[in-house]
């Protein structure tokens, strides 16, 4: 019989970087009792995003941050929206270039991730925030 479950994860960030949430999400999926299904994750913010990325070498995450700093610099005179500081609009652009939703198959009671894949919340603001990720699992 098809069923569903919803849960909210809270991530306290300490500024701009990637925060791995793989273990928290995997634990919830395992406790849910689902054997097969589809997990959808949604970050409820416009200046953070979600990412599936390598979780073995921290250089990958640092390189991504450096690349995005070059791609979407702070202080660009193009931006009119600066109400919350110079990192405000660049954070929105970063979020628009990445994703706020992920869909991950659940197979044999676990997320179908590759060996080196991890789930990340990517904080795009420089200051600490509390971010919420809604998880929806449908399956059996």
Protein backbone atom coordinates (compact mmCIF):
# COMPACT_ATOMS: atom_id res chain seq x y z
CA UNK A 1 0.00 0.00 0.00
CA UNK A 2 1.31 3.42 -0.97
CA UNK A 3 1.92 5.77 1.94
CA UNK A 4 3.71 9.03 2.64
CA UNK A 5 5.59 10.82 5.40
CA UNK A 6 6.69 14.41 5.95
CA UNK A 7 9.46 15.74 8.18
CA UNK A 8 11.25 19.04 8.66
CA UNK A 9 15.00 19.28 9.23
CA UNK A 10 16.55 22.39 10.76
CA UNK A 11 20.11 23.37 9.88
CA UNK A 12 21.87 26.08 11.90
CA UNK A 13 24.42 27.63 9.56
CA UNK A 14 27.46 29.67 10.55
CA UNK A 15 27.84 31.50 7.27
CA UNK A 16 28.50 30.80 3.62
CA UNK A 17 29.50 27.20 2.92
CA UNK A 18 28.11 23.71 2.30
CA UNK A 19 26.62 21.84 5.27
CA UNK A 20 26.29 18.08 4.88
CA UNK A 21 22.90 16.66 5.92
CA UNK A 22 23.29 13.14 4.51
CA UNK A 23 23.37 11.28 7.83
CA UNK A 24 20.35 13.12 9.27
CA UNK A 25 18.24 12.49 6.17
CA UNK A 26 19.42 8.87 5.81
CA UNK A 27 18.52 8.21 9.45
CA UNK A 28 15.02 9.56 8.98
CA UNK A 29 14.52 7.51 5.80
CA UNK A 30 15.70 4.35 7.60
CA UNK A 31 13.40 4.98 10.59
CA UNK A 32 10.42 5.61 8.27
CA UNK A 33 10.21 1.94 7.35
CA UNK A 34 9.84 2.62 3.62
CA UNK A 35 11.46 -0.02 1.40
CA UNK A 36 10.93 1.73 -1.95
CA UNK A 37 9.80 5.20 -2.86
CA UNK A 38 10.78 8.71 -3.74
CA UNK A 39 12.21 11.26 -1.35
CA UNK A 40 11.76 14.93 -2.17
CA UNK A 41 13.72 17.57 -0.25
CA UNK A 42 12.82 21.26 -0.41
CA UNK A 43 14.73 24.12 1.24
CA UNK A 44 12.29 26.83 2.30
CA UNK A 45 14.51 29.84 1.61
CA UNK A 46 15.55 32.05 -1.31
CA UNK A 47 19.20 32.50 -0.33
CA UNK A 48 20.18 28.86 0.24
CA UNK A 49 20.03 25.78 -1.95
CA UNK A 50 20.36 22.00 -1.96
CA UNK A 51 23.06 19.99 -3.64
CA UNK A 52 24.14 16.40 -4.21
CA UNK A 53 27.92 16.51 -4.33
CA UNK A 54 31.08 14.57 -3.52
CA UNK A 55 31.50 14.08 0.22
CA UNK A 56 35.00 12.54 0.26
CA UNK A 57 37.34 15.43 -0.50
CA UNK A 58 36.59 18.81 1.16
CA UNK A 59 38.54 20.53 -1.63
CA UNK A 60 35.52 19.96 -3.89
CA UNK A 61 33.28 22.05 -1.64
CA UNK A 62 35.91 24.77 -1.28
CA UNK A 63 36.44 24.84 -5.07
CA UNK A 64 32.70 25.20 -5.63
CA UNK A 65 32.60 28.11 -3.21
CA UNK A 66 35.54 29.81 -4.96
CA UNK A 67 33.94 29.27 -8.37
CA UNK A 68 30.64 30.79 -7.26
CA UNK A 69 32.47 33.73 -5.64
CA UNK A 70 33.97 34.44 -9.07
CA UNK A 71 30.72 33.76 -10.96
CA UNK A 72 28.46 35.80 -8.64
CA UNK A 73 30.61 38.44 -6.91
CA UNK A 74 29.43 40.68 -4.12
CA UNK A 75 29.29 44.41 -4.76
CA UNK A 76 28.44 44.18 -8.46
CA UNK A 77 26.83 47.53 -9.42
CA UNK A 78 24.31 45.55 -11.46
CA UNK A 79 22.39 44.70 -8.25
CA UNK A 80 19.65 47.05 -7.06
CA UNK A 81 18.45 44.69 -4.29
CA UNK A 82 20.87 45.27 -1.40
CA UNK A 83 18.45 45.76 1.51
CA UNK A 84 20.11 43.12 3.67
CA UNK A 85 23.70 43.85 2.71
CA UNK A 86 26.14 43.22 -0.12
CA UNK A 87 25.71 39.42 0.04
CA UNK A 88 21.90 39.63 -0.31
CA UNK A 89 21.40 39.68 -4.10
CA UNK A 90 24.38 37.42 -4.83
CA UNK A 91 22.78 34.85 -2.48
CA UNK A 92 19.55 34.99 -4.48
CA UNK A 93 21.44 34.57 -7.77
CA UNK A 94 23.38 31.60 -6.36
CA UNK A 95 20.11 30.00 -5.28
CA UNK A 96 18.59 30.60 -8.74
CA UNK A 97 21.61 28.96 -10.41
CA UNK A 98 21.42 25.87 -8.21
CA UNK A 99 18.28 24.12 -6.89
CA UNK A 100 15.94 24.29 -3.92
CA UNK A 101 14.44 20.82 -4.55
CA UNK A 102 16.00 17.36 -4.83
CA UNK A 103 14.37 14.04 -5.70
CA UNK A 104 16.13 10.88 -4.56
CA UNK A 105 14.91 7.31 -5.10
CA UNK A 106 14.63 5.09 -2.04
CA UNK A 107 15.68 1.50 -2.76
CA UNK A 108 15.74 -1.29 -0.19
CA UNK A 109 15.12 1.18 2.63
CA UNK A 110 17.94 3.62 1.78
CA UNK A 111 18.55 6.61 -0.47
CA UNK A 112 19.99 5.55 -3.83
CA UNK A 113 23.11 7.69 -3.62
CA UNK A 114 26.46 6.88 -5.21
CA UNK A 115 29.49 5.93 -3.15
CA UNK A 116 30.85 9.47 -2.91
CA UNK A 117 27.57 11.39 -3.05
CA UNK A 118 26.35 13.42 -0.09
CA UNK A 119 23.42 15.76 0.49
CA UNK A 120 24.21 19.37 1.27
CA UNK A 121 22.47 22.55 2.25
CA UNK A 122 24.43 25.37 0.63
CA UNK A 123 24.22 28.55 2.67
CA UNK A 124 24.74 31.53 0.37
CA UNK A 125 24.74 34.25 3.05
CA UNK A 126 27.79 35.29 5.10
CA UNK A 127 25.97 35.47 8.44
CA UNK A 128 24.44 32.60 10.47
CA UNK A 129 20.89 31.53 9.66
CA UNK A 130 18.48 28.81 10.66
CA UNK A 131 17.43 26.96 7.51
CA UNK A 132 14.50 24.58 7.15
CA UNK A 133 14.39 21.62 4.78
CA UNK A 134 11.06 19.87 4.26
CA UNK A 135 11.29 16.18 3.38
CA UNK A 136 8.44 14.29 1.73
CA UNK A 137 8.66 10.55 1.26
CA UNK A 138 6.14 8.59 -0.79
CA UNK A 139 6.32 4.87 -1.36
CA UNK A 140 5.85 1.59 0.45
